[in-house]
PDB file of all heavy atoms in Angstrom:
ATOM      1  N   VAL A   1       0.829  -1.188   0.015  1.00  0.00           N
ATOM      2  CA  VAL A   1      -0.030  -0.006   0.000  1.00  0.00           C
ATOM      3  C   VAL A   1       0.879   1.226  -0.005  1.00  0.00           C
ATOM      4  O   VAL A   1       0.623   2.222  -0.757  1.00  0.00           O
ATOM      5  CB  VAL A   1      -0.942   0.006   1.233  1.00  0.00           C
ATOM      6  CG1 VAL A   1      -1.691   1.331   1.335  1.00  0.00           C
ATOM      7  CG2 VAL A   1      -1.941  -1.151   1.134  1.00  0.00           C
ATOM      8  N   LEU A   2       1.929   1.232   0.815  1.00  0.00           N
ATOM      9  CA  LEU A   2       2.845   2.426   0.821  1.00  0.00           C
ATOM     10  C   LEU A   2       3.522   2.616  -0.517  1.00  0.00           C
ATOM     11  O   LEU A   2       3.623   3.714  -0.969  1.00  0.00           O
ATOM     12  CB  LEU A   2       3.852   2.227   1.969  1.00  0.00           C
ATOM     13  CG  LEU A   2       4.886   3.408   2.091  1.00  0.00           C
ATOM     14  CD1 LEU A   2       4.155   4.717   2.437  1.00  0.00           C
ATOM     15  CD2 LEU A   2       5.923   3.087   3.153  1.00  0.00           C
ATOM     16  N   SER A   3       3.958   1.512  -1.115  1.00  0.00           N
ATOM     17  CA  SER A   3       4.644   1.603  -2.404  1.00  0.00           C
ATOM     18  C   SER A   3       3.749   2.233  -3.445  1.00  0.00           C
ATOM     19  O   SER A   3       4.170   3.062  -4.250  1.00  0.00           O
ATOM     20  CB  SER A   3       5.108   0.222  -2.843  1.00  0.00           C
ATOM     21  OG  SER A   3       5.740   0.279  -4.099  1.00  0.00           O
ATOM     22  N   ALA A   4       2.476   1.837  -3.427  1.00  0.00           N
ATOM     23  CA  ALA A   4       1.522   2.379  -4.361  1.00  0.00           C
ATOM     24  C   ALA A   4       1.279   3.854  -4.121  1.00  0.00           C
ATOM     25  O   ALA A   4       1.169   4.672  -5.068  1.00  0.00           O
ATOM     26  CB  ALA A   4       0.212   1.593  -4.325  1.00  0.00           C
ATOM     27  N   GLU A   5       1.228   4.254  -2.834  1.00  0.00           N
ATOM     28  CA  GLU A   5       0.993   5.648  -2.550  1.00  0.00           C
ATOM     29  C   GLU A   5       2.173   6.500  -2.916  1.00  0.00           C
ATOM     30  O   GLU A   5       2.055   7.636  -3.430  1.00  0.00           O
ATOM     31  CB  GLU A   5       0.679   5.844  -1.057  1.00  0.00           C
ATOM     32  CG  GLU A   5       0.424   7.267  -0.662  1.00  0.00           C
ATOM     33  CD  GLU A   5      -0.412   7.392   0.579  1.00  0.00           C
ATOM     34  OE1 GLU A   5      -1.069   6.446   0.966  1.00  0.00           O
ATOM     35  OE2 GLU A   5      -0.398   8.503   1.140  1.00  0.00           O
ATOM     36  N   LEU A   6       3.415   5.985  -2.726  1.00  0.00           N
ATOM     37  CA  LEU A   6       4.623   6.717  -3.097  1.00  0.00           C
ATOM     38  C   LEU A   6       4.717   6.914  -4.599  1.00  0.00           C
ATOM     39  O   LEU A   6       5.225   7.944  -5.082  1.00  0.00           O
ATOM     40  CB  LEU A   6       5.855   6.068  -2.555  1.00  0.00           C
ATOM     41  CG  LEU A   6       5.993   5.980  -1.018  1.00  0.00           C
ATOM     42  CD1 LEU A   6       7.262   5.298  -0.586  1.00  0.00           C
ATOM     43  CD2 LEU A   6       5.893   7.367  -0.404  1.00  0.00           C
ATOM     44  N   ALA A   7       4.228   5.966  -5.345  1.00  0.00           N
ATOM     45  CA  ALA A   7       4.224   6.098  -6.812  1.00  0.00           C
ATOM     46  C   ALA A   7       3.329   7.247  -7.181  1.00  0.00           C
ATOM     47  O   ALA A   7       3.637   8.024  -8.121  1.00  0.00           O
ATOM     48  CB  ALA A   7       3.759   4.762  -7.440  1.00  0.00           C
ATOM     49  N   LEU A   8       2.168   7.403  -6.509  1.00  0.00           N
ATOM     50  CA  LEU A   8       1.262   8.473  -6.794  1.00  0.00           C
ATOM     51  C   LEU A   8       1.887   9.801  -6.409  1.00  0.00           C
ATOM     52  O   LEU A   8       1.664  10.835  -7.085  1.00  0.00           O
ATOM     53  CB  LEU A   8      -0.076   8.257  -6.058  1.00  0.00           C
ATOM     54  CG  LEU A   8      -0.950   7.142  -6.560  1.00  0.00           C
ATOM     55  CD1 LEU A   8      -2.146   6.949  -5.646  1.00  0.00           C
ATOM     56  CD2 LEU A   8      -1.375   7.380  -8.011  1.00  0.00           C
ATOM     57  N   VAL A   9       2.670   9.813  -5.329  1.00  0.00           N
ATOM     58  CA  VAL A   9       3.368  11.040  -4.885  1.00  0.00           C
ATOM     59  C   VAL A   9       4.319  11.521  -6.024  1.00  0.00           C
ATOM     60  O   VAL A   9       4.345  12.684  -6.318  1.00  0.00           O
ATOM     61  CB  VAL A   9       4.138  10.800  -3.580  1.00  0.00           C
ATOM     62  CG1 VAL A   9       5.017  11.991  -3.228  1.00  0.00           C
ATOM     63  CG2 VAL A   9       3.169  10.537  -2.389  1.00  0.00           C
ATOM     64  N   ARG A  10       5.076  10.584  -6.536  1.00  0.00           N
ATOM     65  CA  ARG A  10       5.995  10.935  -7.574  1.00  0.00           C
ATOM     66  C   ARG A  10       5.234  11.382  -8.861  1.00  0.00           C
ATOM     67  O   ARG A  10       5.705  12.300  -9.562  1.00  0.00           O
ATOM     68  CB  ARG A  10       6.916   9.753  -7.933  1.00  0.00           C
ATOM     69  CG  ARG A  10       7.930   9.476  -6.844  1.00  0.00           C
ATOM     70  CD  ARG A  10       8.934   8.417  -7.306  1.00  0.00           C
ATOM     71  NE  ARG A  10       8.312   7.081  -7.368  1.00  0.00           N
ATOM     72  CZ  ARG A  10       8.240   6.234  -6.371  1.00  0.00           C
ATOM     73  NH1 ARG A  10       8.776   6.562  -5.188  1.00  0.00           N
ATOM     74  NH2 ARG A  10       7.648   5.053  -6.514  1.00  0.00           N
ATOM     75  N   GLN A  11       4.123  10.794  -9.085  1.00  0.00           N
ATOM     76  CA  GLN A  11       3.346  11.105 -10.344  1.00  0.00           C
ATOM     77  C   GLN A  11       2.721  12.477 -10.247  1.00  0.00           C
ATOM     78  O   GLN A  11       2.718  13.238 -11.191  1.00  0.00           O
ATOM     79  CB  GLN A  11       2.287  10.061 -10.569  1.00  0.00           C
ATOM     80  CG  GLN A  11       1.427  10.265 -11.758  1.00  0.00           C
ATOM     81  CD  GLN A  11       0.335   9.222 -11.994  1.00  0.00           C
ATOM     82  OE1 GLN A  11       0.339   8.178 -11.267  1.00  0.00           O
ATOM     83  NE2 GLN A  11      -0.549   9.455 -12.902  1.00  0.00           N
ATOM     84  N   HIS A  12       2.148  12.775  -9.043  1.00  0.00           N
ATOM     85  CA  HIS A  12       1.382  14.025  -8.929  1.00  0.00           C
ATOM     86  C   HIS A  12       2.045  15.129  -8.151  1.00  0.00           C
ATOM     87  O   HIS A  12       1.526  16.267  -7.980  1.00  0.00           O
ATOM     88  CB  HIS A  12      -0.012  13.677  -8.246  1.00  0.00           C
ATOM     89  CG  HIS A  12      -0.828  12.706  -9.018  1.00  0.00           C
ATOM     90  ND1 HIS A  12      -1.398  13.046 -10.240  1.00  0.00           N
ATOM     91  CD2 HIS A  12      -1.190  11.439  -8.768  1.00  0.00           C
ATOM     92  CE1 HIS A  12      -2.056  12.004 -10.734  1.00  0.00           C
ATOM     93  NE2 HIS A  12      -1.968  11.022  -9.825  1.00  0.00           N
ATOM     94  N   ASP A  13       3.229  14.859  -7.631  1.00  0.00           N
ATOM     95  CA  ASP A  13       4.015  15.852  -6.869  1.00  0.00           C
ATOM     96  C   ASP A  13       3.221  16.386  -5.659  1.00  0.00           C
ATOM     97  O   ASP A  13       3.246  17.597  -5.332  1.00  0.00           O
ATOM     98  CB  ASP A  13       4.378  17.038  -7.791  1.00  0.00           C
ATOM     99  CG  ASP A  13       5.858  17.020  -8.205  1.00  0.00           C
ATOM    100  OD1 ASP A  13       6.495  15.977  -7.953  1.00  0.00           O
ATOM    101  OD2 ASP A  13       6.341  17.980  -8.749  1.00  0.00           O
ATOM    102  N   ILE A  14       2.558  15.479  -4.938  1.00  0.00           N
ATOM    103  CA  ILE A  14       1.833  15.873  -3.726  1.00  0.00           C
ATOM    104  C   ILE A  14       1.633  14.659  -2.858  1.00  0.00           C
ATOM    105  O   ILE A  14       1.490  13.539  -3.375  1.00  0.00           O
ATOM    106  CB  ILE A  14       0.468  16.478  -4.102  1.00  0.00           C
ATOM    107  CG1 ILE A  14      -0.180  17.156  -2.888  1.00  0.00           C
ATOM    108  CG2 ILE A  14      -0.467  15.461  -4.724  1.00  0.00           C
ATOM    109  CD1 ILE A  14      -1.389  18.055  -3.246  1.00  0.00           C
ATOM    110  N   ALA A  15       1.724  14.857  -1.562  1.00  0.00           N
ATOM    111  CA  ALA A  15       1.508  13.819  -0.567  1.00  0.00           C
ATOM    112  C   ALA A  15       0.470  14.267   0.451  1.00  0.00           C
ATOM    113  O   ALA A  15       0.411  15.467   0.764  1.00  0.00           O
ATOM    114  CB  ALA A  15       2.836  13.436   0.102  1.00  0.00           C
ATOM    115  N   THR A  16      -0.284  13.344   0.995  1.00  0.00           N
ATOM    116  CA  THR A  16      -1.287  13.698   1.953  1.00  0.00           C
ATOM    117  C   THR A  16      -1.128  12.774   3.196  1.00  0.00           C
ATOM    118  O   THR A  16      -0.509  11.717   3.162  1.00  0.00           O
ATOM    119  CB  THR A  16      -2.685  13.531   1.426  1.00  0.00           C
ATOM    120  OG1 THR A  16      -2.912  12.134   1.060  1.00  0.00           O
ATOM    121  CG2 THR A  16      -2.914  14.410   0.189  1.00  0.00           C
ATOM    122  N   GLU A  17      -1.722  13.258   4.288  1.00  0.00           N
ATOM    123  CA  GLU A  17      -1.678  12.541   5.575  1.00  0.00           C
ATOM    124  C   GLU A  17      -3.014  12.800   6.273  1.00  0.00           C
ATOM    125  O   GLU A  17      -3.443  13.925   6.451  1.00  0.00           O
ATOM    126  CB  GLU A  17      -0.535  13.110   6.426  1.00  0.00           C
ATOM    127  CG  GLU A  17      -0.529  12.717   7.854  1.00  0.00           C
ATOM    128  CD  GLU A  17       0.425  13.559   8.697  1.00  0.00           C
ATOM    129  OE1 GLU A  17       1.268  14.295   8.110  1.00  0.00           O
ATOM    130  OE2 GLU A  17       0.311  13.519   9.945  1.00  0.00           O
ATOM    131  N   VAL A  18      -3.703  11.702   6.593  1.00  0.00           N
ATOM    132  CA  VAL A  18      -4.991  11.801   7.229  1.00  0.00           C
ATOM    133  C   VAL A  18      -4.921  11.026   8.589  1.00  0.00           C
ATOM    134  O   VAL A  18      -5.006   9.809   8.619  1.00  0.00           O
ATOM    135  CB  VAL A  18      -6.125  11.217   6.364  1.00  0.00           C
ATOM    136  CG1 VAL A  18      -7.473  11.338   7.107  1.00  0.00           C
ATOM    137  CG2 VAL A  18      -6.164  11.948   5.004  1.00  0.00           C
ATOM    138  N   GLU A  19      -4.611  11.777   9.641  1.00  0.00           N
ATOM    139  CA  GLU A  19      -4.555  11.231  11.013  1.00  0.00           C
ATOM    140  C   GLU A  19      -3.583  10.023  11.112  1.00  0.00           C
ATOM    141  O   GLU A  19      -3.803   9.118  11.888  1.00  0.00           O
ATOM    142  CB  GLU A  19      -5.937  10.783  11.484  1.00  0.00           C
ATOM    143  CG  GLU A  19      -6.939  11.952  11.522  1.00  0.00           C
ATOM    144  CD  GLU A  19      -8.259  11.594  12.191  1.00  0.00           C
ATOM    145  OE1 GLU A  19      -8.675  10.402  12.071  1.00  0.00           O
ATOM    146  OE2 GLU A  19      -8.874  12.463  12.829  1.00  0.00           O
ATOM    147  N   GLU A  20      -2.494  10.042  10.354  1.00  0.00           N
ATOM    148  CA  GLU A  20      -1.575   8.940  10.324  1.00  0.00           C
ATOM    149  C   GLU A  20      -0.414   9.144  11.331  1.00  0.00           C
ATOM    150  O   GLU A  20       0.183   8.151  11.776  1.00  0.00           O
ATOM    151  CB  GLU A  20      -1.006   8.754   8.900  1.00  0.00           C
ATOM    152  CG  GLU A  20      -2.073   8.338   7.917  1.00  0.00           C
ATOM    153  CD  GLU A  20      -1.620   8.472   6.472  1.00  0.00           C
ATOM    154  OE1 GLU A  20      -0.607   7.827   6.103  1.00  0.00           O
ATOM    155  OE2 GLU A  20      -2.252   9.226   5.702  1.00  0.00           O
ATOM    156  N   SER A  21      -0.128  10.360  11.720  1.00  0.00           N
ATOM    157  CA  SER A  21       0.920  10.589  12.709  1.00  0.00           C
ATOM    158  C   SER A  21       0.303  11.141  13.988  1.00  0.00           C
ATOM    159  O   SER A  21       0.923  11.080  15.054  1.00  0.00           O
ATOM    160  CB  SER A  21       1.994  11.574  12.184  1.00  0.00           C
ATOM    161  OG  SER A  21       1.433  12.876  11.982  1.00  0.00           O
ATOM    162  N   ARG A  22      -0.939  11.654  13.894  1.00  0.00           N
ATOM    163  CA  ARG A  22      -1.613  12.162  15.099  1.00  0.00           C
ATOM    164  C   ARG A  22      -3.111  12.194  14.802  1.00  0.00           C
ATOM    165  O   ARG A  22      -3.534  12.757  13.779  1.00  0.00           O
ATOM    166  CB  ARG A  22      -1.135  13.548  15.521  1.00  0.00           C
ATOM    167  CG  ARG A  22      -1.771  14.115  16.745  1.00  0.00           C
ATOM    168  CD  ARG A  22      -1.249  15.481  17.070  1.00  0.00           C
ATOM    169  NE  ARG A  22       0.188  15.497  17.311  1.00  0.00           N
ATOM    170  CZ  ARG A  22       0.891  16.590  17.530  1.00  0.00           C
ATOM    171  NH1 ARG A  22       0.281  17.785  17.522  1.00  0.00           N
ATOM    172  NH2 ARG A  22       2.187  16.509  17.740  1.00  0.00           N
ATOM    173  N   ILE A  23      -3.906  11.622  15.697  1.00  0.00           N
ATOM    174  CA  ILE A  23      -5.321  11.660  15.512  1.00  0.00           C
ATOM    175  C   ILE A  23      -5.864  13.103  15.596  1.00  0.00           C
ATOM    176  O   ILE A  23      -5.430  13.880  16.461  1.00  0.00           O
ATOM    177  CB  ILE A  23      -6.028  10.783  16.565  1.00  0.00           C
ATOM    178  CG1 ILE A  23      -5.622   9.315  16.399  1.00  0.00           C
ATOM    179  CG2 ILE A  23      -7.539  10.914  16.465  1.00  0.00           C
ATOM    180  CD1 ILE A  23      -5.965   8.714  15.029  1.00  0.00           C
ATOM    181  N   GLY A  24      -6.756  13.430  14.676  1.00  0.00           N
ATOM    182  CA  GLY A  24      -7.324  14.792  14.634  1.00  0.00           C
ATOM    183  C   GLY A  24      -6.519  15.744  13.751  1.00  0.00           C
ATOM    184  O   GLY A  24      -6.902  16.924  13.715  1.00  0.00           O
ATOM    185  N   ARG A  25      -5.523  15.281  13.044  1.00  0.00           N
ATOM    186  CA  ARG A  25      -4.721  16.160  12.266  1.00  0.00           C
ATOM    187  C   ARG A  25      -4.491  15.596  10.812  1.00  0.00           C
ATOM    188  O   ARG A  25      -4.355  14.408  10.642  1.00  0.00           O
ATOM    189  CB  ARG A  25      -3.340  16.387  12.907  1.00  0.00           C
ATOM    190  CG  ARG A  25      -2.526  17.486  12.210  1.00  0.00           C
ATOM    191  CD  ARG A  25      -1.252  17.742  12.970  1.00  0.00           C
ATOM    192  NE  ARG A  25      -0.318  16.671  12.809  1.00  0.00           N
ATOM    193  CZ  ARG A  25       0.897  16.542  13.437  1.00  0.00           C
ATOM    194  NH1 ARG A  25       1.237  17.483  14.302  1.00  0.00           N
ATOM    195  NH2 ARG A  25       1.660  15.553  13.240  1.00  0.00           N
ATOM    196  N   CYS A  26      -4.549  16.511   9.843  1.00  0.00           N
ATOM    197  CA  CYS A  26      -4.310  16.158   8.437  1.00  0.00           C
ATOM    198  C   CYS A  26      -3.214  17.051   7.914  1.00  0.00           C
ATOM    199  O   CYS A  26      -2.975  18.145   8.418  1.00  0.00           O
ATOM    200  CB  CYS A  26      -5.583  16.275   7.615  1.00  0.00           C
ATOM    201  SG  CYS A  26      -6.861  15.079   8.082  1.00  0.00           S
ATOM    202  N   ALA A  27      -2.642  16.688   6.815  1.00  0.00           N
ATOM    203  CA  ALA A  27      -1.610  17.519   6.190  1.00  0.00           C
ATOM    204  C   ALA A  27      -1.555  17.229   4.671  1.00  0.00           C
ATOM    205  O   ALA A  27      -1.894  16.133   4.219  1.00  0.00           O
ATOM    206  CB  ALA A  27      -0.260  17.273   6.809  1.00  0.00           C
ATOM    207  N   VAL A  28      -1.091  18.256   3.952  1.00  0.00           N
ATOM    208  CA  VAL A  28      -0.766  18.133   2.533  1.00  0.00           C
ATOM    209  C   VAL A  28       0.626  18.693   2.341  1.00  0.00           C
ATOM    210  O   VAL A  28       0.986  19.730   2.892  1.00  0.00           O
ATOM    211  CB  VAL A  28      -1.783  18.956   1.689  1.00  0.00           C
ATOM    212  CG1 VAL A  28      -1.405  18.931   0.220  1.00  0.00           C
ATOM    213  CG2 VAL A  28      -3.207  18.468   1.883  1.00  0.00           C
ATOM    214  N   ALA A  29       1.443  18.024   1.562  1.00  0.00           N
ATOM    215  CA  ALA A  29       2.811  18.437   1.322  1.00  0.00           C
ATOM    216  C   ALA A  29       3.159  18.312  -0.155  1.00  0.00           C
ATOM    217  O   ALA A  29       2.665  17.407  -0.843  1.00  0.00           O
ATOM    218  CB  ALA A  29       3.807  17.613   2.130  1.00  0.00           C
ATOM    219  N   VAL A  30       3.990  19.232  -0.646  1.00  0.00           N
ATOM    220  CA  VAL A  30       4.472  19.229  -2.000  1.00  0.00           C
ATOM    221  C   VAL A  30       5.997  19.325  -1.940  1.00  0.00           C
ATOM    222  O   VAL A  30       6.584  19.913  -1.032  1.00  0.00           O
ATOM    223  CB  VAL A  30       3.882  20.358  -2.836  1.00  0.00           C
ATOM    224  CG1 VAL A  30       2.387  20.259  -2.896  1.00  0.00           C
ATOM    225  CG2 VAL A  30       4.326  21.702  -2.333  1.00  0.00           C
ATOM    226  N   PRO A  31       6.658  18.772  -2.964  1.00  0.00           N
ATOM    227  CA  PRO A  31       8.150  18.861  -2.977  1.00  0.00           C
ATOM    228  C   PRO A  31       8.637  20.245  -3.288  1.00  0.00           C
ATOM    229  O   PRO A  31       7.979  20.987  -4.029  1.00  0.00           O
ATOM    230  CB  PRO A  31       8.560  17.867  -4.042  1.00  0.00           C
ATOM    231  CG  PRO A  31       7.359  17.745  -4.935  1.00  0.00           C
ATOM    232  CD  PRO A  31       6.151  17.947  -4.054  1.00  0.00           C
ATOM    233  N   VAL A  32       9.804  20.611  -2.739  1.00  0.00           N
ATOM    234  CA  VAL A  32      10.536  21.827  -3.036  1.00  0.00           C
ATOM    235  C   VAL A  32      11.781  21.400  -3.705  1.00  0.00           C
ATOM    236  O   VAL A  32      12.537  20.516  -3.247  1.00  0.00           O
ATOM    237  CB  VAL A  32      10.836  22.658  -1.764  1.00  0.00           C
ATOM    238  CG1 VAL A  32      11.696  23.858  -2.127  1.00  0.00           C
ATOM    239  CG2 VAL A  32       9.539  23.072  -1.117  1.00  0.00           C
ATOM    240  N   ARG A  33      12.080  21.992  -4.906  1.00  0.00           N
ATOM    241  CA  ARG A  33      13.242  21.656  -5.630  1.00  0.00           C
ATOM    242  C   ARG A  33      14.253  22.794  -5.632  1.00  0.00           C
ATOM    243  O   ARG A  33      13.860  23.909  -5.535  1.00  0.00           O
ATOM    244  CB  ARG A  33      12.851  21.281  -7.079  1.00  0.00           C
ATOM    245  CG  ARG A  33      12.072  19.982  -7.149  1.00  0.00           C
ATOM    246  CD  ARG A  33      11.593  19.717  -8.587  1.00  0.00           C
ATOM    247  NE  ARG A  33      11.054  18.318  -8.707  1.00  0.00           N
ATOM    248  CZ  ARG A  33       9.846  17.958  -8.399  1.00  0.00           C
ATOM    249  NH1 ARG A  33       8.978  18.836  -7.936  1.00  0.00           N
ATOM    250  NH2 ARG A  33       9.503  16.691  -8.578  1.00  0.00           N
ATOM    251  N   ASP A  34      15.552  22.382  -5.807  1.00  0.00           N
ATOM    252  CA  ASP A  34      16.580  23.428  -5.886  1.00  0.00           C
ATOM    253  C   ASP A  34      16.785  23.877  -7.331  1.00  0.00           C
ATOM    254  O   ASP A  34      15.955  23.465  -8.188  1.00  0.00           O
ATOM    255  CB  ASP A  34      17.882  22.924  -5.265  1.00  0.00           C
ATOM    256  CG  ASP A  34      18.466  21.682  -6.023  1.00  0.00           C
ATOM    257  OD1 ASP A  34      18.082  21.429  -7.173  1.00  0.00           O
ATOM    258  OD2 ASP A  34      19.325  21.043  -5.435  1.00  0.00           O
ATOM    259  N   ALA A  35      17.826  24.657  -7.573  1.00  0.00           N
ATOM    260  CA  ALA A  35      18.005  25.194  -8.917  1.00  0.00           C
ATOM    261  C   ALA A  35      18.321  24.110  -9.940  1.00  0.00           C
ATOM    262  O   ALA A  35      18.174  24.337 -11.165  1.00  0.00           O
ATOM    263  CB  ALA A  35      19.174  26.199  -8.865  1.00  0.00           C
ATOM    264  N   HIS A  36      18.693  22.948  -9.445  1.00  0.00           N
ATOM    265  CA  HIS A  36      18.981  21.809 -10.379  1.00  0.00           C
ATOM    266  C   HIS A  36      17.815  20.836 -10.481  1.00  0.00           C
ATOM    267  O   HIS A  36      17.967  19.757 -11.011  1.00  0.00           O
ATOM    268  CB  HIS A  36      20.246  21.069  -9.897  1.00  0.00           C
ATOM    269  CG  HIS A  36      21.447  21.962  -9.787  1.00  0.00           C
ATOM    270  ND1 HIS A  36      22.140  22.440 -10.864  1.00  0.00           N
ATOM    271  CD2 HIS A  36      22.070  22.450  -8.695  1.00  0.00           C
ATOM    272  CE1 HIS A  36      23.135  23.214 -10.456  1.00  0.00           C
ATOM    273  NE2 HIS A  36      23.107  23.236  -9.132  1.00  0.00           N
ATOM    274  N   HIS A  37      16.671  21.263 -10.007  1.00  0.00           N
ATOM    275  CA  HIS A  37      15.417  20.468 -10.048  1.00  0.00           C
ATOM    276  C   HIS A  37      15.508  19.229  -9.186  1.00  0.00           C
ATOM    277  O   HIS A  37      14.748  18.251  -9.410  1.00  0.00           O
ATOM    278  CB  HIS A  37      15.063  20.115 -11.507  1.00  0.00           C
ATOM    279  CG  HIS A  37      13.623  19.981 -11.717  1.00  0.00           C
ATOM    280  ND1 HIS A  37      12.675  21.008 -11.473  1.00  0.00           N
ATOM    281  CD2 HIS A  37      12.839  18.902 -12.089  1.00  0.00           C
ATOM    282  CE1 HIS A  37      11.460  20.598 -11.742  1.00  0.00           C
ATOM    283  NE2 HIS A  37      11.548  19.302 -12.073  1.00  0.00           N
ATOM    284  N   VAL A  38      16.374  19.226  -8.213  1.00  0.00           N
ATOM    285  CA  VAL A  38      16.444  18.103  -7.250  1.00  0.00           C
ATOM    286  C   VAL A  38      15.574  18.376  -6.098  1.00  0.00           C
ATOM    287  O   VAL A  38      15.552  19.506  -5.530  1.00  0.00           O
ATOM    288  CB  VAL A  38      17.909  17.908  -6.760  1.00  0.00           C
ATOM    289  CG1 VAL A  38      17.978  16.819  -5.687  1.00  0.00           C
ATOM    290  CG2 VAL A  38      18.795  17.533  -7.947  1.00  0.00           C
ATOM    291  N   VAL A  39      14.751  17.414  -5.659  1.00  0.00           N
ATOM    292  CA  VAL A  39      13.899  17.616  -4.522  1.00  0.00           C
ATOM    293  C   VAL A  39      14.775  17.700  -3.276  1.00  0.00           C
ATOM    294  O   VAL A  39      15.465  16.765  -2.894  1.00  0.00           O
ATOM    295  CB  VAL A  39      12.883  16.456  -4.404  1.00  0.00           C
ATOM    296  CG1 VAL A  39      12.119  16.594  -3.099  1.00  0.00           C
ATOM    297  CG2 VAL A  39      11.935  16.398  -5.582  1.00  0.00           C
ATOM    298  N   CYS A  40      14.697  18.891  -2.596  1.00  0.00           N
ATOM    299  CA  CYS A  40      15.561  19.075  -1.474  1.00  0.00           C
ATOM    300  C   CYS A  40      14.758  19.357  -0.188  1.00  0.00           C
ATOM    301  O   CYS A  40      15.328  19.606   0.850  1.00  0.00           O
ATOM    302  CB  CYS A  40      16.475  20.249  -1.702  1.00  0.00           C
ATOM    303  SG  CYS A  40      15.683  21.838  -2.062  1.00  0.00           S
ATOM    304  N   GLY A  41      13.414  19.301  -0.269  1.00  0.00           N
ATOM    305  CA  GLY A  41      12.612  19.525   0.881  1.00  0.00           C
ATOM    306  C   GLY A  41      11.154  19.430   0.547  1.00  0.00           C
ATOM    307  O   GLY A  41      10.726  18.942  -0.526  1.00  0.00           O
ATOM    308  N   ALA A  42      10.306  19.848   1.502  1.00  0.00           N
ATOM    309  CA  ALA A  42       8.858  19.803   1.304  1.00  0.00           C
ATOM    310  C   ALA A  42       8.185  20.975   1.985  1.00  0.00           C
ATOM    311  O   ALA A  42       8.631  21.407   3.073  1.00  0.00           O
ATOM    312  CB  ALA A  42       8.306  18.456   1.855  1.00  0.00           C
TER     313      ALA A  42
END
């Protein structure tokens, strides 16, 4: 399941979290790239 989700993250450049690290909290994250287009953060 995680492998399939990470494939979608790479495809759509976005990741989500629904109460997976803390109940009652959600998150959306997108990659941040440097000048060489390398993902260096989120």
